[in-house]
Amino acid sequence: MRSFKSPEDLKSFPSDHPAKPLLTELVNGLTTFEGYDPDADGWVVLIDEGDIDKPLIDLWDDWTLLDVPWEGVMKVDGFYEVIFLANNQFGIVFVVPIQPWLPPHYRSALEEHLDP
C-alpha cells in the first residue's frame, strides 16, 4: 500500500507503472486547491499485490479494504477507483488494479458497488 499526499510523492514512483497517469490525475486534482492539507482533506492510496487482505495500518489498524464503507466505485483505465468519504471534507481514493491477483470476493464486492 502506497499513499500519495502530494505531487512530490509521485516523483519517486516509477514513470512506467501503469497506475502513474491515474495517480497523477488524482493527486493533482486534490492538491491544486488553496489550503490543501492531506490530514484534513485526504489523499490517494494505491493497493499493491499482497496488500489486499492486510490491515490498512496507515489509516486504520483493523480494517482491510472490504471493511471500508465505500461512497462509490468506478472502473478507470484498468483500475477500480474506490472512494471513501469520512465527512464533507476528508476522503481517501483507493486505486485497486484489476489484476488476476485480486481475489474473487474483492472483485465481486467492488463490481457490486460500481457506479452506473
Protein backbone atom coordinates (compact mmCIF):
# COMPACT_ATOMS: atom_id res chain seq x y z
CA MET A 1 0.00 0.00 0.00
CA ARG A 2 1.42 3.33 -1.04
CA SER A 3 -0.01 6.70 -0.04
CA PHE A 4 0.24 9.82 -2.19
CA LYS A 5 -0.39 13.11 -0.45
CA SER A 6 1.40 15.48 -2.80
CA PRO A 7 2.89 15.62 -6.30
CA GLU A 8 6.25 15.26 -4.55
CA ASP A 9 5.24 11.72 -3.52
CA LEU A 10 4.86 10.81 -7.19
CA LYS A 11 8.39 11.86 -8.15
CA SER A 12 9.95 8.63 -6.88
CA PHE A 13 7.12 6.48 -8.26
CA PRO A 14 8.17 4.62 -11.45
CA SER A 15 7.16 6.58 -14.55
CA ASP A 16 6.40 3.35 -16.45
CA HIS A 17 3.99 2.00 -13.80
CA PRO A 18 0.50 1.55 -15.32
CA ALA A 19 -1.09 3.47 -12.41
CA LYS A 20 1.10 6.55 -12.81
CA PRO A 21 -1.27 8.54 -15.10
CA LEU A 22 -4.31 7.88 -12.89
CA LEU A 23 -2.39 8.61 -9.68
CA THR A 24 -1.03 11.83 -11.16
CA GLU A 25 -4.50 12.96 -12.17
CA LEU A 26 -5.99 12.15 -8.76
CA VAL A 27 -3.17 13.67 -6.72
CA ASN A 28 -3.06 16.82 -8.83
CA GLY A 29 -6.84 17.16 -8.51
CA LEU A 30 -6.60 17.01 -4.73
CA THR A 31 -3.61 19.20 -4.20
CA THR A 32 -4.30 22.11 -6.53
CA PHE A 33 -6.80 23.90 -4.33
CA GLU A 34 -5.54 26.53 -1.92
CA GLY A 35 -5.08 25.37 1.64
CA TYR A 36 -4.94 21.65 0.83
CA ASP A 37 -3.93 19.67 3.93
CA PRO A 38 -3.83 15.88 3.49
CA ASP A 39 -4.54 15.28 7.16
CA ALA A 40 -7.72 17.34 6.90
CA ASP A 41 -8.68 16.74 3.27
CA GLY A 42 -7.45 13.24 2.40
CA TRP A 43 -5.14 11.58 -0.10
CA VAL A 44 -4.76 8.78 -2.65
CA VAL A 45 -3.75 5.18 -1.85
CA LEU A 46 -2.52 2.55 -4.31
CA ILE A 47 -3.24 -1.01 -3.28
CA ASP A 48 -0.46 -3.37 -4.41
CA GLU A 49 -0.43 -7.13 -4.74
CA GLY A 50 -0.01 -8.55 -1.25
CA ASP A 51 -1.82 -5.62 0.40
CA ILE A 52 -5.34 -6.76 -0.29
CA ASP A 53 -6.01 -8.67 2.95
CA LYS A 54 -3.63 -6.70 5.16
CA PRO A 55 -4.97 -4.14 7.60
CA LEU A 56 -4.83 -0.58 6.24
CA ILE A 57 -2.49 0.33 9.10
CA ASP A 58 -1.65 3.78 7.75
CA LEU A 59 -5.35 4.54 8.07
CA TRP A 60 -6.99 2.00 10.39
CA ASP A 61 -5.20 -0.77 12.19
CA ASP A 62 -8.00 -3.33 11.98
CA TRP A 63 -9.70 -2.64 8.61
CA THR A 64 -8.99 -4.21 5.25
CA LEU A 65 -10.29 -2.74 2.01
CA LEU A 66 -13.51 -4.76 2.38
CA ASP A 67 -14.22 -3.05 5.73
CA VAL A 68 -14.12 0.45 4.28
CA PRO A 69 -17.61 2.00 3.87
CA TRP A 70 -17.29 2.98 0.22
CA GLU A 71 -19.02 6.02 -1.17
CA GLY A 72 -18.59 4.71 -4.69
CA VAL A 73 -16.56 2.56 -7.04
CA MET A 74 -15.61 3.32 -10.64
CA LYS A 75 -13.56 1.49 -13.26
CA VAL A 76 -10.90 3.73 -14.79
CA ASP A 77 -8.23 2.51 -17.23
CA GLY A 78 -7.76 -0.96 -15.71
CA PHE A 79 -8.22 0.10 -12.10
CA TYR A 80 -11.00 0.32 -9.58
CA GLU A 81 -11.19 3.81 -8.12
CA VAL A 82 -12.75 3.30 -4.68
CA ILE A 83 -13.96 6.38 -2.82
CA PHE A 84 -14.21 6.70 0.95
CA LEU A 85 -15.67 9.88 2.45
CA ALA A 86 -15.38 10.30 6.20
CA ASN A 87 -17.25 13.60 6.20
CA ASN A 88 -17.84 16.64 3.95
CA GLN A 89 -14.12 17.38 3.83
CA PHE A 90 -11.97 14.27 4.34
CA GLY A 91 -11.82 11.50 1.77
CA ILE A 92 -9.49 8.83 0.50
CA VAL A 93 -9.34 7.44 -3.01
CA PHE A 94 -8.13 3.84 -3.19
CA VAL A 95 -6.71 2.77 -6.54
CA VAL A 96 -7.00 -1.01 -6.94
CA PRO A 97 -5.52 -2.67 -10.03
CA ILE A 98 -7.86 -5.00 -11.89
CA GLN A 99 -5.42 -7.90 -11.95
CA PRO A 100 -5.59 -11.70 -11.62
CA TRP A 101 -4.16 -11.45 -8.09
CA LEU A 102 -7.29 -9.61 -6.93
CA PRO A 103 -9.30 -12.26 -5.03
CA PRO A 104 -12.73 -13.08 -6.48
CA HIS A 105 -14.56 -11.94 -3.33
CA TYR A 106 -12.94 -8.49 -3.61
CA ARG A 107 -13.66 -8.27 -7.32
CA SER A 108 -17.30 -9.23 -6.71
CA ALA A 109 -17.72 -6.70 -3.89
CA LEU A 110 -16.20 -3.91 -5.99
CA GLU A 111 -18.27 -4.84 -9.03
CA GLU A 112 -21.46 -4.79 -6.92
CA HIS A 113 -20.68 -1.22 -5.86
CA LEU A 114 -19.82 0.12 -9.30
CA ASP A 115 -21.37 3.50 -10.05
CA PRO A 116 -23.65 3.39 -13.08
